[in-house]
């Protein structure tokens, strides 16, 4: 894990969030190519919005990812964006 700090004006910060995303009713639907597609979609979201994904792992019914974000972003907005973009993605 990278421990460097980001700087902006007189601020020095390192904001990270560990998110767990589960499938509906914990169905075991994250298999093989579906898991890879969802990972790629999350990497695309991170590139668009300027997040840095530090680690990402998937299991059959959930996925974990650790990402670094900026001070202008809120965790609730990050969760909303990820859920909106990956819910209807197929």
C-alpha atoms as a PDB file:
ATOM      1  CA  UNK A   1       0.000   0.000   0.000  1.00  0.00           C
ATOM      2  CA  UNK A   2       1.315   3.403  -0.915  1.00  0.00           C
ATOM      3  CA  UNK A   3       1.763   5.687   2.092  1.00  0.00           C
ATOM      4  CA  UNK A   4       2.639   8.932   0.339  1.00  0.00           C
ATOM      5  CA  UNK A   5       0.538  11.993   1.004  1.00  0.00           C
ATOM      6  CA  UNK A   6      -1.206  14.172  -1.546  1.00  0.00           C
ATOM      7  CA  UNK A   7      -0.719  17.918  -1.332  1.00  0.00           C
ATOM      8  CA  UNK A   8      -3.069  20.738  -2.200  1.00  0.00           C
ATOM      9  CA  UNK A   9      -2.358  24.325  -1.102  1.00  0.00           C
ATOM     10  CA  UNK A  10      -1.542  23.918   2.580  1.00  0.00           C
ATOM     11  CA  UNK A  11      -3.283  20.563   2.935  1.00  0.00           C
ATOM     12  CA  UNK A  12      -1.542  17.247   3.202  1.00  0.00           C
ATOM     13  CA  UNK A  13      -3.830  14.245   2.995  1.00  0.00           C
ATOM     14  CA  UNK A  14      -4.155  10.568   2.212  1.00  0.00           C
ATOM     15  CA  UNK A  15      -7.790   9.486   1.914  1.00  0.00           C
ATOM     16  CA  UNK A  16      -8.585   5.833   1.285  1.00  0.00           C
ATOM     17  CA  UNK A  17     -11.806   3.857   1.484  1.00  0.00           C
ATOM     18  CA  UNK A  18     -12.358   0.088   1.582  1.00  0.00           C
ATOM     19  CA  UNK A  19     -15.600  -0.771  -0.197  1.00  0.00           C
ATOM     20  CA  UNK A  20     -17.422  -4.091  -0.318  1.00  0.00           C
ATOM     21  CA  UNK A  21     -20.028  -4.569  -3.001  1.00  0.00           C
ATOM     22  CA  UNK A  22     -22.325  -7.585  -2.755  1.00  0.00           C
ATOM     23  CA  UNK A  23     -24.705  -8.999  -5.334  1.00  0.00           C
ATOM     24  CA  UNK A  24     -28.453  -9.043  -4.692  1.00  0.00           C
ATOM     25  CA  UNK A  25     -29.422 -11.792  -2.276  1.00  0.00           C
ATOM     26  CA  UNK A  26     -25.762 -12.869  -2.298  1.00  0.00           C
ATOM     27  CA  UNK A  27     -26.262 -14.767  -5.568  1.00  0.00           C
ATOM     28  CA  UNK A  28     -23.075 -16.364  -6.815  1.00  0.00           C
ATOM     29  CA  UNK A  29     -23.014 -14.525 -10.125  1.00  0.00           C
ATOM     30  CA  UNK A  30     -19.489 -13.039 -10.156  1.00  0.00           C
ATOM     31  CA  UNK A  31     -17.813 -15.850 -12.062  1.00  0.00           C
ATOM     32  CA  UNK A  32     -15.110 -15.899 -14.726  1.00  0.00           C
ATOM     33  CA  UNK A  33     -15.722 -13.279 -17.415  1.00  0.00           C
ATOM     34  CA  UNK A  34     -18.466 -11.466 -15.480  1.00  0.00           C
ATOM     35  CA  UNK A  35     -16.040 -10.708 -12.645  1.00  0.00           C
ATOM     36  CA  UNK A  36     -13.445  -9.503 -15.155  1.00  0.00           C
ATOM     37  CA  UNK A  37     -16.011  -7.263 -16.876  1.00  0.00           C
ATOM     38  CA  UNK A  38     -17.121  -5.712 -13.583  1.00  0.00           C
ATOM     39  CA  UNK A  39     -13.483  -5.128 -12.577  1.00  0.00           C
ATOM     40  CA  UNK A  40     -12.807  -3.421 -15.900  1.00  0.00           C
ATOM     41  CA  UNK A  41     -15.896  -1.235 -15.496  1.00  0.00           C
ATOM     42  CA  UNK A  42     -14.721  -0.151 -12.017  1.00  0.00           C
ATOM     43  CA  UNK A  43     -11.245   0.631 -13.404  1.00  0.00           C
ATOM     44  CA  UNK A  44     -12.924   2.736 -16.119  1.00  0.00           C
ATOM     45  CA  UNK A  45     -14.963   4.605 -13.490  1.00  0.00           C
ATOM     46  CA  UNK A  46     -11.792   5.249 -11.489  1.00  0.00           C
ATOM     47  CA  UNK A  47     -10.039   6.662 -14.552  1.00  0.00           C
ATOM     48  CA  UNK A  48     -12.953   8.937 -15.430  1.00  0.00           C
ATOM     49  CA  UNK A  49     -13.407  10.372 -11.935  1.00  0.00           C
ATOM     50  CA  UNK A  50      -9.739  10.459 -10.890  1.00  0.00           C
ATOM     51  CA  UNK A  51      -9.743   7.737  -8.235  1.00  0.00           C
ATOM     52  CA  UNK A  52      -6.793   5.422  -7.733  1.00  0.00           C
ATOM     53  CA  UNK A  53      -7.571   1.759  -7.182  1.00  0.00           C
ATOM     54  CA  UNK A  54      -4.985   0.291  -4.840  1.00  0.00           C
ATOM     55  CA  UNK A  55      -6.375  -3.255  -4.563  1.00  0.00           C
ATOM     56  CA  UNK A  56      -9.353  -5.173  -5.923  1.00  0.00           C
ATOM     57  CA  UNK A  57     -10.487  -8.754  -5.329  1.00  0.00           C
ATOM     58  CA  UNK A  58     -13.632 -10.638  -6.268  1.00  0.00           C
ATOM     59  CA  UNK A  59     -15.339 -13.658  -4.806  1.00  0.00           C
ATOM     60  CA  UNK A  60     -18.413 -15.455  -6.127  1.00  0.00           C
ATOM     61  CA  UNK A  61     -20.915 -13.182  -4.401  1.00  0.00           C
ATOM     62  CA  UNK A  62     -19.049  -9.992  -3.488  1.00  0.00           C
ATOM     63  CA  UNK A  63     -16.035  -7.856  -4.317  1.00  0.00           C
ATOM     64  CA  UNK A  64     -13.631  -5.756  -2.275  1.00  0.00           C
ATOM     65  CA  UNK A  65     -11.736  -2.738  -3.483  1.00  0.00           C
ATOM     66  CA  UNK A  66      -9.545  -0.175  -1.823  1.00  0.00           C
ATOM     67  CA  UNK A  67      -9.349   3.181  -3.505  1.00  0.00           C
ATOM     68  CA  UNK A  68      -7.758   6.536  -2.886  1.00  0.00           C
ATOM     69  CA  UNK A  69      -9.754   9.693  -3.548  1.00  0.00           C
ATOM     70  CA  UNK A  70      -9.472  13.477  -3.366  1.00  0.00           C
ATOM     71  CA  UNK A  71     -10.794  15.854  -0.692  1.00  0.00           C
ATOM     72  CA  UNK A  72     -13.504  17.243  -2.962  1.00  0.00           C
ATOM     73  CA  UNK A  73     -15.156  13.802  -3.267  1.00  0.00           C
ATOM     74  CA  UNK A  74     -17.464  12.231  -0.711  1.00  0.00           C
ATOM     75  CA  UNK A  75     -17.651   8.519   0.029  1.00  0.00           C
ATOM     76  CA  UNK A  76     -21.431   8.502  -0.483  1.00  0.00           C
ATOM     77  CA  UNK A  77     -20.933   9.953  -3.980  1.00  0.00           C
ATOM     78  CA  UNK A  78     -18.304   7.342  -4.827  1.00  0.00           C
ATOM     79  CA  UNK A  79     -20.641   4.544  -3.729  1.00  0.00           C
ATOM     80  CA  UNK A  80     -23.513   6.068  -5.726  1.00  0.00           C
ATOM     81  CA  UNK A  81     -21.415   6.331  -8.882  1.00  0.00           C
ATOM     82  CA  UNK A  82     -20.104   2.775  -8.635  1.00  0.00           C
ATOM     83  CA  UNK A  83     -23.564   1.333  -7.956  1.00  0.00           C
ATOM     84  CA  UNK A  84     -25.192   3.289 -10.787  1.00  0.00           C
ATOM     85  CA  UNK A  85     -22.542   2.403 -13.334  1.00  0.00           C
ATOM     86  CA  UNK A  86     -22.263  -1.315 -12.480  1.00  0.00           C
ATOM     87  CA  UNK A  87     -25.905  -2.194 -11.752  1.00  0.00           C
ATOM     88  CA  UNK A  88     -27.179  -2.233 -15.322  1.00  0.00           C
ATOM     89  CA  UNK A  89     -23.851  -2.975 -16.973  1.00  0.00           C
ATOM     90  CA  UNK A  90     -23.857  -6.254 -18.862  1.00  0.00           C
END
